[in-house]
Amino acid sequence: MVLTLSGKILGGEDHELIKSEIRAVLDQGHPDIVLDFTDVPWLSSNGVGVLVSAHTTVQRYHGRLKLCNLKERDVSVLDVTRLLPVFDIHESVQEAVASFSQNLDEAKGG
């Protein structure tokens, strides 16, 4: 399932909105989620907290969360906060979606 985010992600109301969307998708039986940042011009440090919360929620459902189309500045923020290794980041939606099946192939030894 691909969720396309838009606008600045600053925390607060954004946190509740993103959290409720992710839970709805998980409750519908879609444990693997891609968050598309194409239309996100700004990710604040509080916004990074939103991503950590999303990651934790998806893991509780035994799902996988992938991020794509992050701005270079956002990747730098994740790097500085030492959270870059926590997230599976891809260049595009297509690459992120394809990586789900690649991970399954690797887990099966193929």
PDB file of N, CA and C in Angstrom:
ATOM      1  N   MET A   1       0.849  -1.169   0.000  1.00  0.00           N
ATOM      2  CA  MET A   1       0.000   0.000   0.000  1.00  0.00           C
ATOM      3  C   MET A   1       0.895   1.232   0.000  1.00  0.00           C
ATOM      4  N   VAL A   2       0.611   2.156  -0.880  1.00  0.00           N
ATOM      5  CA  VAL A   2       1.383   3.392  -0.978  1.00  0.00           C
ATOM      6  C   VAL A   2       0.547   4.526  -0.399  1.00  0.00           C
ATOM      7  N   LEU A   3       1.118   5.231   0.565  1.00  0.00           N
ATOM      8  CA  LEU A   3       0.492   6.425   1.118  1.00  0.00           C
ATOM      9  C   LEU A   3       1.306   7.625   0.661  1.00  0.00           C
ATOM     10  N   THR A   4       0.663   8.522  -0.072  1.00  0.00           N
ATOM     11  CA  THR A   4       1.338   9.712  -0.560  1.00  0.00           C
ATOM     12  C   THR A   4       1.098  10.847   0.428  1.00  0.00           C
ATOM     13  N   LEU A   5       2.178  11.314   1.017  1.00  0.00           N
ATOM     14  CA  LEU A   5       2.099  12.402   1.985  1.00  0.00           C
ATOM     15  C   LEU A   5       2.214  13.728   1.249  1.00  0.00           C
ATOM     16  N   SER A   6       1.636  14.780   1.828  1.00  0.00           N
ATOM     17  CA  SER A   6       1.780  16.101   1.213  1.00  0.00           C
ATOM     18  C   SER A   6       1.819  17.162   2.295  1.00  0.00           C
ATOM     19  N   GLY A   7       2.504  18.245   1.986  1.00  0.00           N
ATOM     20  CA  GLY A   7       2.651  19.348   2.934  1.00  0.00           C
ATOM     21  C   GLY A   7       3.796  19.096   3.897  1.00  0.00           C
ATOM     22  N   LYS A   8       4.018  20.069   4.753  1.00  0.00           N
ATOM     23  CA  LYS A   8       5.083  19.968   5.745  1.00  0.00           C
ATOM     24  C   LYS A   8       4.688  18.962   6.818  1.00  0.00           C
ATOM     25  N   ILE A   9       5.664  18.165   7.252  1.00  0.00           N
ATOM     26  CA  ILE A   9       5.431  17.227   8.344  1.00  0.00           C
ATOM     27  C   ILE A   9       6.165  17.783   9.561  1.00  0.00           C
ATOM     28  N   LEU A  10       5.370  18.310  10.486  1.00  0.00           N
ATOM     29  CA  LEU A  10       5.929  19.038  11.617  1.00  0.00           C
ATOM     30  C   LEU A  10       5.670  18.379  12.964  1.00  0.00           C
ATOM     31  N   GLY A  11       4.899  17.310  12.984  1.00  0.00           N
ATOM     32  CA  GLY A  11       4.509  16.702  14.251  1.00  0.00           C
ATOM     33  C   GLY A  11       3.122  17.201  14.629  1.00  0.00           C
ATOM     34  N   GLY A  12       2.739  17.041  15.876  1.00  0.00           N
ATOM     35  CA  GLY A  12       1.436  17.523  16.337  1.00  0.00           C
ATOM     36  C   GLY A  12       0.291  16.877  15.580  1.00  0.00           C
ATOM     37  N   GLU A  13      -0.503  17.699  14.897  1.00  0.00           N
ATOM     38  CA  GLU A  13      -1.654  17.187  14.135  1.00  0.00           C
ATOM     39  C   GLU A  13      -1.221  16.213  13.048  1.00  0.00           C
ATOM     40  N   ASP A  14      -0.053  16.475  12.455  1.00  0.00           N
ATOM     41  CA  ASP A  14       0.463  15.572  11.418  1.00  0.00           C
ATOM     42  C   ASP A  14       0.639  14.167  11.976  1.00  0.00           C
ATOM     43  N   HIS A  15       1.111  14.100  13.216  1.00  0.00           N
ATOM     44  CA  HIS A  15       1.358  12.808  13.845  1.00  0.00           C
ATOM     45  C   HIS A  15       0.070  12.010  13.942  1.00  0.00           C
ATOM     46  N   GLU A  16      -0.981  12.640  14.428  1.00  0.00           N
ATOM     47  CA  GLU A  16      -2.258  11.942  14.578  1.00  0.00           C
ATOM     48  C   GLU A  16      -2.838  11.518  13.232  1.00  0.00           C
ATOM     49  N   LEU A  17      -2.738  12.393  12.239  1.00  0.00           N
ATOM     50  CA  LEU A  17      -3.276  12.085  10.916  1.00  0.00           C
ATOM     51  C   LEU A  17      -2.538  10.909  10.280  1.00  0.00           C
ATOM     52  N   ILE A  18      -1.228  10.961  10.285  1.00  0.00           N
ATOM     53  CA  ILE A  18      -0.426   9.888   9.685  1.00  0.00           C
ATOM     54  C   ILE A  18      -0.628   8.588  10.462  1.00  0.00           C
ATOM     55  N   LYS A  19      -0.640   8.686  11.783  1.00  0.00           N
ATOM     56  CA  LYS A  19      -0.843   7.502  12.618  1.00  0.00           C
ATOM     57  C   LYS A  19      -2.185   6.838  12.312  1.00  0.00           C
ATOM     58  N   SER A  20      -3.245   7.637  12.197  1.00  0.00           N
ATOM     59  CA  SER A  20      -4.564   7.056  11.933  1.00  0.00           C
ATOM     60  C   SER A  20      -4.636   6.445  10.535  1.00  0.00           C
ATOM     61  N   GLU A  21      -4.007   7.067   9.554  1.00  0.00           N
ATOM     62  CA  GLU A  21      -3.982   6.509   8.190  1.00  0.00           C
ATOM     63  C   GLU A  21      -3.235   5.181   8.156  1.00  0.00           C
ATOM     64  N   ILE A  22      -2.106   5.135   8.828  1.00  0.00           N
ATOM     65  CA  ILE A  22      -1.316   3.900   8.849  1.00  0.00           C
ATOM     66  C   ILE A  22      -2.084   2.793   9.556  1.00  0.00           C
ATOM     67  N   ARG A  23      -2.695   3.112  10.676  1.00  0.00           N
ATOM     68  CA  ARG A  23      -3.484   2.088  11.389  1.00  0.00           C
ATOM     69  C   ARG A  23      -4.651   1.586  10.534  1.00  0.00           C
ATOM     70  N   ALA A  24      -5.284   2.488   9.805  1.00  0.00           N
ATOM     71  CA  ALA A  24      -6.402   2.076   8.938  1.00  0.00           C
ATOM     72  C   ALA A  24      -5.919   1.100   7.876  1.00  0.00           C
ATOM     73  N   VAL A  25      -4.784   1.399   7.269  1.00  0.00           N
ATOM     74  CA  VAL A  25      -4.217   0.523   6.241  1.00  0.00           C
ATOM     75  C   VAL A  25      -3.840  -0.831   6.850  1.00  0.00           C
ATOM     76  N   LEU A  26      -3.220  -0.800   8.013  1.00  0.00           N
ATOM     77  CA  LEU A  26      -2.844  -2.048   8.685  1.00  0.00           C
ATOM     78  C   LEU A  26      -4.073  -2.861   9.054  1.00  0.00           C
ATOM     79  N   ASP A  27      -5.099  -2.193   9.571  1.00  0.00           N
ATOM     80  CA  ASP A  27      -6.334  -2.885   9.951  1.00  0.00           C
ATOM     81  C   ASP A  27      -7.058  -3.483   8.747  1.00  0.00           C
ATOM     82  N   GLN A  28      -6.809  -2.934   7.554  1.00  0.00           N
ATOM     83  CA  GLN A  28      -7.403  -3.471   6.329  1.00  0.00           C
ATOM     84  C   GLN A  28      -6.619  -4.673   5.807  1.00  0.00           C
ATOM     85  N   GLY A  29      -5.547  -5.030   6.519  1.00  0.00           N
ATOM     86  CA  GLY A  29      -4.782  -6.210   6.120  1.00  0.00           C
ATOM     87  C   GLY A  29      -3.621  -5.934   5.197  1.00  0.00           C
ATOM     88  N   HIS A  30      -3.138  -4.699   5.173  1.00  0.00           N
ATOM     89  CA  HIS A  30      -1.987  -4.330   4.335  1.00  0.00           C
ATOM     90  C   HIS A  30      -0.800  -4.018   5.244  1.00  0.00           C
ATOM     91  N   PRO A  31       0.022  -5.021   5.579  1.00  0.00           N
ATOM     92  CA  PRO A  31       1.113  -4.782   6.518  1.00  0.00           C
ATOM     93  C   PRO A  31       2.334  -4.080   5.912  1.00  0.00           C
ATOM     94  N   ASP A  32       2.452  -4.086   4.594  1.00  0.00           N
ATOM     95  CA  ASP A  32       3.606  -3.468   3.929  1.00  0.00           C
ATOM     96  C   ASP A  32       3.189  -2.124   3.361  1.00  0.00           C
ATOM     97  N   ILE A  33       3.890  -1.069   3.820  1.00  0.00           N
ATOM     98  CA  ILE A  33       3.492   0.293   3.479  1.00  0.00           C
ATOM     99  C   ILE A  33       4.680   1.078   2.954  1.00  0.00           C
ATOM    100  N   VAL A  34       4.418   1.837   1.887  1.00  0.00           N
ATOM    101  CA  VAL A  34       5.388   2.788   1.349  1.00  0.00           C
ATOM    102  C   VAL A  34       4.860   4.188   1.642  1.00  0.00           C
ATOM    103  N   LEU A  35       5.710   5.015   2.237  1.00  0.00           N
ATOM    104  CA  LEU A  35       5.367   6.426   2.421  1.00  0.00           C
ATOM    105  C   LEU A  35       6.097   7.223   1.347  1.00  0.00           C
ATOM    106  N   ASP A  36       5.331   7.878   0.486  1.00  0.00           N
ATOM    107  CA  ASP A  36       5.875   8.652  -0.632  1.00  0.00           C
ATOM    108  C   ASP A  36       5.968  10.120  -0.214  1.00  0.00           C
ATOM    109  N   PHE A  37       7.179  10.661  -0.214  1.00  0.00           N
ATOM    110  CA  PHE A  37       7.448  12.037   0.218  1.00  0.00           C
ATOM    111  C   PHE A  37       7.578  13.026  -0.937  1.00  0.00           C
ATOM    112  N   THR A  38       7.114  12.662  -2.120  1.00  0.00           N
ATOM    113  CA  THR A  38       7.252  13.540  -3.280  1.00  0.00           C
ATOM    114  C   THR A  38       6.721  14.942  -3.002  1.00  0.00           C
ATOM    115  N   ASP A  39       5.579  15.048  -2.348  1.00  0.00           N
ATOM    116  CA  ASP A  39       4.937  16.335  -2.112  1.00  0.00           C
ATOM    117  C   ASP A  39       5.151  16.867  -0.699  1.00  0.00           C
ATOM    118  N   VAL A  40       6.240  16.440  -0.057  1.00  0.00           N
ATOM    119  CA  VAL A  40       6.568  16.926   1.283  1.00  0.00           C
ATOM    120  C   VAL A  40       7.781  17.855   1.178  1.00  0.00           C
ATOM    121  N   PRO A  41       7.552  19.171   1.298  1.00  0.00           N
ATOM    122  CA  PRO A  41       8.666  20.107   1.162  1.00  0.00           C
ATOM    123  C   PRO A  41       9.530  20.215   2.411  1.00  0.00           C
ATOM    124  N   TRP A  42       9.017  19.771   3.565  1.00  0.00           N
ATOM    125  CA  TRP A  42       9.759  19.980   4.808  1.00  0.00           C
ATOM    126  C   TRP A  42       9.426  18.899   5.812  1.00  0.00           C
ATOM    127  N   LEU A  43      10.450  18.334   6.400  1.00  0.00           N
ATOM    128  CA  LEU A  43      10.310  17.350   7.471  1.00  0.00           C
ATOM    129  C   LEU A  43      11.069  17.897   8.671  1.00  0.00           C
ATOM    130  N   SER A  44      10.349  18.292   9.707  1.00  0.00           N
ATOM    131  CA  SER A  44      10.995  18.853  10.895  1.00  0.00           C
ATOM    132  C   SER A  44      11.528  17.745  11.789  1.00  0.00           C
ATOM    133  N   SER A  45      12.248  18.135  12.832  1.00  0.00           N
ATOM    134  CA  SER A  45      12.740  17.131  13.781  1.00  0.00           C
ATOM    135  C   SER A  45      11.566  16.444  14.470  1.00  0.00           C
ATOM    136  N   ASN A  46      10.483  17.173  14.734  1.00  0.00           N
ATOM    137  CA  ASN A  46       9.281  16.533  15.278  1.00  0.00           C
ATOM    138  C   ASN A  46       8.668  15.590  14.248  1.00  0.00           C
ATOM    139  N   GLY A  47       8.780  15.947  12.976  1.00  0.00           N
ATOM    140  CA  GLY A  47       8.310  15.080  11.901  1.00  0.00           C
ATOM    141  C   GLY A  47       9.068  13.769  11.865  1.00  0.00           C
ATOM    142  N   VAL A  48      10.347  13.812  12.208  1.00  0.00           N
ATOM    143  CA  VAL A  48      11.149  12.583  12.290  1.00  0.00           C
ATOM    144  C   VAL A  48      10.555  11.677  13.363  1.00  0.00           C
ATOM    145  N   GLY A  49      10.088  12.270  14.450  1.00  0.00           N
ATOM    146  CA  GLY A  49       9.419  11.500  15.495  1.00  0.00           C
ATOM    147  C   GLY A  49       8.171  10.805  14.974  1.00  0.00           C
ATOM    148  N   VAL A  50       7.473  11.464  14.057  1.00  0.00           N
ATOM    149  CA  VAL A  50       6.296  10.869  13.423  1.00  0.00           C
ATOM    150  C   VAL A  50       6.712   9.611  12.656  1.00  0.00           C
ATOM    151  N   LEU A  51       7.838   9.687  11.954  1.00  0.00           N
ATOM    152  CA  LEU A  51       8.324   8.535  11.189  1.00  0.00           C
ATOM    153  C   LEU A  51       8.725   7.385  12.106  1.00  0.00           C
ATOM    154  N   VAL A  52       9.360   7.712  13.220  1.00  0.00           N
ATOM    155  CA  VAL A  52       9.751   6.670  14.174  1.00  0.00           C
ATOM    156  C   VAL A  52       8.505   5.976  14.719  1.00  0.00           C
ATOM    157  N   SER A  53       7.495   6.760  15.043  1.00  0.00           N
ATOM    158  CA  SER A  53       6.234   6.201  15.537  1.00  0.00           C
ATOM    159  C   SER A  53       5.577   5.318  14.484  1.00  0.00           C
ATOM    160  N   ALA A  54       5.583   5.773  13.238  1.00  0.00           N
ATOM    161  CA  ALA A  54       5.006   4.985  12.143  1.00  0.00           C
ATOM    162  C   ALA A  54       5.751   3.670  11.985  1.00  0.00           C
ATOM    163  N   HIS A  55       7.061   3.733  12.036  1.00  0.00           N
ATOM    164  CA  HIS A  55       7.895   2.536  11.910  1.00  0.00           C
ATOM    165  C   HIS A  55       7.557   1.530  13.012  1.00  0.00           C
ATOM    166  N   THR A  56       7.445   2.017  14.235  1.00  0.00           N
ATOM    167  CA  THR A  56       7.132   1.165  15.378  1.00  0.00           C
ATOM    168  C   THR A  56       5.751   0.527  15.228  1.00  0.00           C
ATOM    169  N   THR A  57       4.780   1.315  14.801  1.00  0.00           N
ATOM    170  CA  THR A  57       3.420   0.804  14.615  1.00  0.00           C
ATOM    171  C   THR A  57       3.391  -0.298  13.564  1.00  0.00           C
ATOM    172  N   VAL A  58       4.042  -0.070  12.444  1.00  0.00           N
ATOM    173  CA  VAL A  58       4.060  -1.066  11.367  1.00  0.00           C
ATOM    174  C   VAL A  58       4.758  -2.344  11.844  1.00  0.00           C
ATOM    175  N   GLN A  59       5.821  -2.205  12.593  1.00  0.00           N
ATOM    176  CA  GLN A  59       6.517  -3.393  13.104  1.00  0.00           C
ATOM    177  C   GLN A  59       5.631  -4.203  14.048  1.00  0.00           C
ATOM    178  N   ARG A  60       4.819  -3.516  14.845  1.00  0.00           N
ATOM    179  CA  ARG A  60       3.908  -4.222  15.757  1.00  0.00           C
ATOM    180  C   ARG A  60       2.926  -5.101  14.995  1.00  0.00           C
ATOM    181  N   TYR A  61       2.611  -4.696  13.778  1.00  0.00           N
ATOM    182  CA  TYR A  61       1.700  -5.471  12.930  1.00  0.00           C
ATOM    183  C   TYR A  61       2.466  -6.469  12.060  1.00  0.00           C
ATOM    184  N   HIS A  62       3.759  -6.624  12.330  1.00  0.00           N
ATOM    185  CA  HIS A  62       4.643  -7.522  11.570  1.00  0.00           C
ATOM    186  C   HIS A  62       4.710  -7.111  10.104  1.00  0.00           C
ATOM    187  N   GLY A  63       4.634  -5.806   9.872  1.00  0.00           N
ATOM    188  CA  GLY A  63       4.720  -5.277   8.518  1.00  0.00           C
ATOM    189  C   GLY A  63       6.073  -4.646   8.259  1.00  0.00           C
ATOM    190  N   ARG A  64       6.179  -4.063   7.079  1.00  0.00           N
ATOM    191  CA  ARG A  64       7.423  -3.396   6.678  1.00  0.00           C
ATOM    192  C   ARG A  64       7.074  -2.003   6.158  1.00  0.00           C
ATOM    193  N   LEU A  65       7.856  -1.019   6.580  1.00  0.00           N
ATOM    194  CA  LEU A  65       7.662   0.369   6.168  1.00  0.00           C
ATOM    195  C   LEU A  65       8.845   0.795   5.315  1.00  0.00           C
ATOM    196  N   LYS A  66       8.533   1.374   4.174  1.00  0.00           N
ATOM    197  CA  LYS A  66       9.578   1.881   3.278  1.00  0.00           C
ATOM    198  C   LYS A  66       9.264   3.335   2.952  1.00  0.00           C
ATOM    199  N   LEU A  67      10.312   4.133   2.821  1.00  0.00           N
ATOM    200  CA  LEU A  67      10.171   5.550   2.493  1.00  0.00           C
ATOM    201  C   LEU A  67      10.742   5.782   1.109  1.00  0.00           C
ATOM    202  N   CYS A  68      10.132   6.706   0.375  1.00  0.00           N
ATOM    203  CA  CYS A  68      10.691   7.027  -0.937  1.00  0.00           C
ATOM    204  C   CYS A  68      10.504   8.507  -1.249  1.00  0.00           C
ATOM    205  N   ASN A  69      11.306   8.962  -2.197  1.00  0.00           N
ATOM    206  CA  ASN A  69      11.271  10.342  -2.691  1.00  0.00           C
ATOM    207  C   ASN A  69      11.546  11.370  -1.600  1.00  0.00           C
ATOM    208  N   LEU A  70      12.434  10.998  -0.663  1.00  0.00           N
ATOM    209  CA  LEU A  70      12.842  11.961   0.363  1.00  0.00           C
ATOM    210  C   LEU A  70      13.770  13.003  -0.245  1.00  0.00           C
ATOM    211  N   LYS A  71      13.689  14.210   0.271  1.00  0.00           N
ATOM    212  CA  LYS A  71      14.617  15.267  -0.148  1.00  0.00           C
ATOM    213  C   LYS A  71      15.983  14.974   0.486  1.00  0.00           C
ATOM    214  N   GLU A  72      17.031  15.478  -0.145  1.00  0.00           N
ATOM    215  CA  GLU A  72      18.388  15.258   0.360  1.00  0.00           C
ATOM    216  C   GLU A  72      18.529  15.767   1.798  1.00  0.00           C
ATOM    217  N   ARG A  73      17.895  16.885   2.092  1.00  0.00           N
ATOM    218  CA  ARG A  73      17.957  17.460   3.425  1.00  0.00           C
ATOM    219  C   ARG A  73      17.328  16.515   4.456  1.00  0.00           C
ATOM    220  N   ASP A  74      16.232  15.864   4.074  1.00  0.00           N
ATOM    221  CA  ASP A  74      15.562  14.938   4.989  1.00  0.00           C
ATOM    222  C   ASP A  74      16.432  13.717   5.273  1.00  0.00           C
ATOM    223  N   VAL A  75      17.107  13.237   4.257  1.00  0.00           N
ATOM    224  CA  VAL A  75      18.025  12.109   4.442  1.00  0.00           C
ATOM    225  C   VAL A  75      19.151  12.530   5.384  1.00  0.00           C
ATOM    226  N   SER A  76      19.631  13.767   5.239  1.00  0.00           N
ATOM    227  CA  SER A  76      20.690  14.279   6.118  1.00  0.00           C
ATOM    228  C   SER A  76      20.217  14.354   7.567  1.00  0.00           C
ATOM    229  N   VAL A  77      18.973  14.785   7.763  1.00  0.00           N
ATOM    230  CA  VAL A  77      18.416  14.853   9.119  1.00  0.00           C
ATOM    231  C   VAL A  77      18.372  13.450   9.731  1.00  0.00           C
ATOM    232  N   LEU A  78      17.943  12.476   8.960  1.00  0.00           N
ATOM    233  CA  LEU A  78      17.905  11.098   9.463  1.00  0.00           C
ATOM    234  C   LEU A  78      19.313  10.592   9.762  1.00  0.00           C
ATOM    235  N   ASP A  79      20.285  11.006   8.952  1.00  0.00           N
ATOM    236  CA  ASP A  79      21.666  10.595   9.161  1.00  0.00           C
ATOM    237  C   ASP A  79      22.218  11.215  10.444  1.00  0.00           C
ATOM    238  N   VAL A  80      22.018  12.506  10.629  1.00  0.00           N
ATOM    239  CA  VAL A  80      22.521  13.214  11.807  1.00  0.00           C
ATOM    240  C   VAL A  80      21.905  12.657  13.090  1.00  0.00           C
ATOM    241  N   THR A  81      20.646  12.288  13.021  1.00  0.00           N
ATOM    242  CA  THR A  81      19.959  11.744  14.201  1.00  0.00           C
ATOM    243  C   THR A  81      20.245  10.252  14.394  1.00  0.00           C
ATOM    244  N   ARG A  82      21.065   9.698  13.519  1.00  0.00           N
ATOM    245  CA  ARG A  82      21.453   8.281  13.564  1.00  0.00           C
ATOM    246  C   ARG A  82      20.274   7.341  13.340  1.00  0.00           C
ATOM    247  N   LEU A  83      19.269   7.840  12.632  1.00  0.00           N
ATOM    248  CA  LEU A  83      18.095   7.027  12.334  1.00  0.00           C
ATOM    249  C   LEU A  83      18.103   6.496  10.903  1.00  0.00           C
ATOM    250  N   LEU A  84      19.055   6.919  10.113  1.00  0.00           N
ATOM    251  CA  LEU A  84      19.101   6.483   8.719  1.00  0.00           C
ATOM    252  C   LEU A  84      19.084   4.954   8.584  1.00  0.00           C
ATOM    253  N   PRO A  85      19.851   4.215   9.406  1.00  0.00           N
ATOM    254  CA  PRO A  85      19.829   2.747   9.263  1.00  0.00           C
ATOM    255  C   PRO A  85      18.493   2.106   9.660  1.00  0.00           C
ATOM    256  N   VAL A  86      17.662   2.834  10.386  1.00  0.00           N
ATOM    257  CA  VAL A  86      16.379   2.291  10.837  1.00  0.00           C
ATOM    258  C   VAL A  86      15.397   2.170   9.677  1.00  0.00           C
ATOM    259  N   PHE A  87      15.499   3.093   8.719  1.00  0.00           N
ATOM    260  CA  PHE A  87      14.523   3.175   7.641  1.00  0.00           C
ATOM    261  C   PHE A  87      15.048   2.584   6.345  1.00  0.00           C
ATOM    262  N   ASP A  88      14.130   1.989   5.602  1.00  0.00           N
ATOM    263  CA  ASP A  88      14.426   1.437   4.280  1.00  0.00           C
ATOM    264  C   ASP A  88      14.008   2.515   3.272  1.00  0.00           C
ATOM    265  N   ILE A  89      14.991   3.205   2.708  1.00  0.00           N
ATOM    266  CA  ILE A  89      14.730   4.372   1.860  1.00  0.00           C
ATOM    267  C   ILE A  89      15.031   4.043   0.402  1.00  0.00           C
ATOM    268  N   HIS A  90      14.127   4.487  -0.477  1.00  0.00           N
ATOM    269  CA  HIS A  90      14.258   4.221  -1.911  1.00  0.00           C
ATOM    270  C   HIS A  90      14.080   5.512  -2.704  1.00  0.00           C
ATOM    271  N   GLU A  91      14.575   5.484  -3.928  1.00  0.00           N
ATOM    272  CA  GLU A  91      14.513   6.644  -4.810  1.00  0.00           C
ATOM    273  C   GLU A  91      13.107   6.918  -5.339  1.00  0.00           C
ATOM    274  N   SER A  92      12.328   5.859  -5.559  1.00  0.00           N
ATOM    275  CA  SER A  92      11.017   6.029  -6.189  1.00  0.00           C
ATOM    276  C   SER A  92      10.005   5.056  -5.578  1.00  0.00           C
ATOM    277  N   VAL A  93       8.739   5.325  -5.853  1.00  0.00           N
ATOM    278  CA  VAL A  93       7.670   4.426  -5.413  1.00  0.00           C
ATOM    279  C   VAL A  93       7.875   3.051  -6.026  1.00  0.00           C
ATOM    280  N   GLN A  94       8.183   3.013  -7.319  1.00  0.00           N
ATOM    281  CA  GLN A  94       8.351   1.737  -8.013  1.00  0.00           C
ATOM    282  C   GLN A  94       9.464   0.905  -7.372  1.00  0.00           C
ATOM    283  N   GLU A  95      10.577   1.562  -7.056  1.00  0.00           N
ATOM    284  CA  GLU A  95      11.704   0.859  -6.442  1.00  0.00           C
ATOM    285  C   GLU A  95      11.319   0.344  -5.049  1.00  0.00           C
ATOM    286  N   ALA A  96      10.610   1.155  -4.293  1.00  0.00           N
ATOM    287  CA  ALA A  96      10.190   0.751  -2.942  1.00  0.00           C
ATOM    288  C   ALA A  96       9.248  -0.442  -2.999  1.00  0.00           C
ATOM    289  N   VAL A  97       8.262  -0.378  -3.884  1.00  0.00           N
ATOM    290  CA  VAL A  97       7.296  -1.476  -4.023  1.00  0.00           C
ATOM    291  C   VAL A  97       8.005  -2.757  -4.469  1.00  0.00           C
ATOM    292  N   ALA A  98       8.891  -2.630  -5.436  1.00  0.00           N
ATOM    293  CA  ALA A  98       9.621  -3.799  -5.940  1.00  0.00           C
ATOM    294  C   ALA A  98      10.494  -4.428  -4.855  1.00  0.00           C
ATOM    295  N   SER A  99      10.984  -3.623  -3.934  1.00  0.00           N
ATOM    296  CA  SER A  99      11.869  -4.148  -2.892  1.00  0.00           C
ATOM    297  C   SER A  99      11.148  -5.102  -1.944  1.00  0.00           C
ATOM    298  N   PHE A 100       9.821  -4.994  -1.831  1.00  0.00           N
ATOM    299  CA  PHE A 100       9.086  -5.939  -0.989  1.00  0.00           C
ATOM    300  C   PHE A 100       9.263  -7.359  -1.517  1.00  0.00           C
ATOM    301  N   SER A 101       9.104  -7.544  -2.827  1.00  0.00           N
ATOM    302  CA  SER A 101       9.252  -8.884  -3.388  1.00  0.00           C
ATOM    303  C   SER A 101      10.728  -9.317  -3.393  1.00  0.00           C
ATOM    304  N   GLN A 102      11.648  -8.383  -3.552  1.00  0.00           N
ATOM    305  CA  GLN A 102      13.061  -8.726  -3.504  1.00  0.00           C
ATOM    306  C   GLN A 102      13.410  -9.243  -2.120  1.00  0.00           C
ATOM    307  N   ASN A 103      12.870  -8.595  -1.084  1.00  0.00           N
ATOM    308  CA  ASN A 103      13.145  -9.050   0.284  1.00  0.00           C
ATOM    309  C   ASN A 103      12.596 -10.439   0.521  1.00  0.00           C
ATOM    310  N   LEU A 104      11.428 -10.754  -0.039  1.00  0.00           N
ATOM    311  CA  LEU A 104      10.864 -12.099   0.097  1.00  0.00           C
ATOM    312  C   LEU A 104      11.737 -13.134  -0.607  1.00  0.00           C
ATOM    313  N   ASP A 105      12.233 -12.778  -1.807  1.00  0.00           N
ATOM    314  CA  ASP A 105      13.103 -13.688  -2.535  1.00  0.00           C
ATOM    315  C   ASP A 105      14.374 -13.968  -1.749  1.00  0.00           C
ATOM    316  N   GLU A 106      14.941 -12.920  -1.123  1.00  0.00           N
ATOM    317  CA  GLU A 106      16.163 -13.092  -0.341  1.00  0.00           C
ATOM    318  C   GLU A 106      15.905 -13.968   0.887  1.00  0.00           C
ATOM    319  N   ALA A 107      14.733 -13.772   1.513  1.00  0.00           N
ATOM    320  CA  ALA A 107      14.400 -14.559   2.707  1.00  0.00           C
ATOM    321  C   ALA A 107      14.230 -16.033   2.366  1.00  0.00           C
ATOM    322  N   LYS A 108      13.762 -16.321   1.130  1.00  0.00           N
ATOM    323  CA  LYS A 108      13.575 -17.690   0.695  1.00  0.00           C
ATOM    324  C   LYS A 108      14.869 -18.315   0.166  1.00  0.00           C
ATOM    325  N   GLY A 109      15.920 -17.470   0.090  1.00  0.00           N
ATOM    326  CA  GLY A 109      17.184 -17.990  -0.394  1.00  0.00           C
ATOM    327  C   GLY A 109      17.313 -17.932  -1.894  1.00  0.00           C
ATOM    328  N   GLY A 110      16.486 -17.138  -2.559  1.00  0.00           N
ATOM    329  CA  GLY A 110      16.495 -17.092  -4.008  1.00  0.00           C
ATOM    330  C   GLY A 110      16.757 -15.809  -4.555  1.00  0.00           C
TER     331      GLY A 110
END
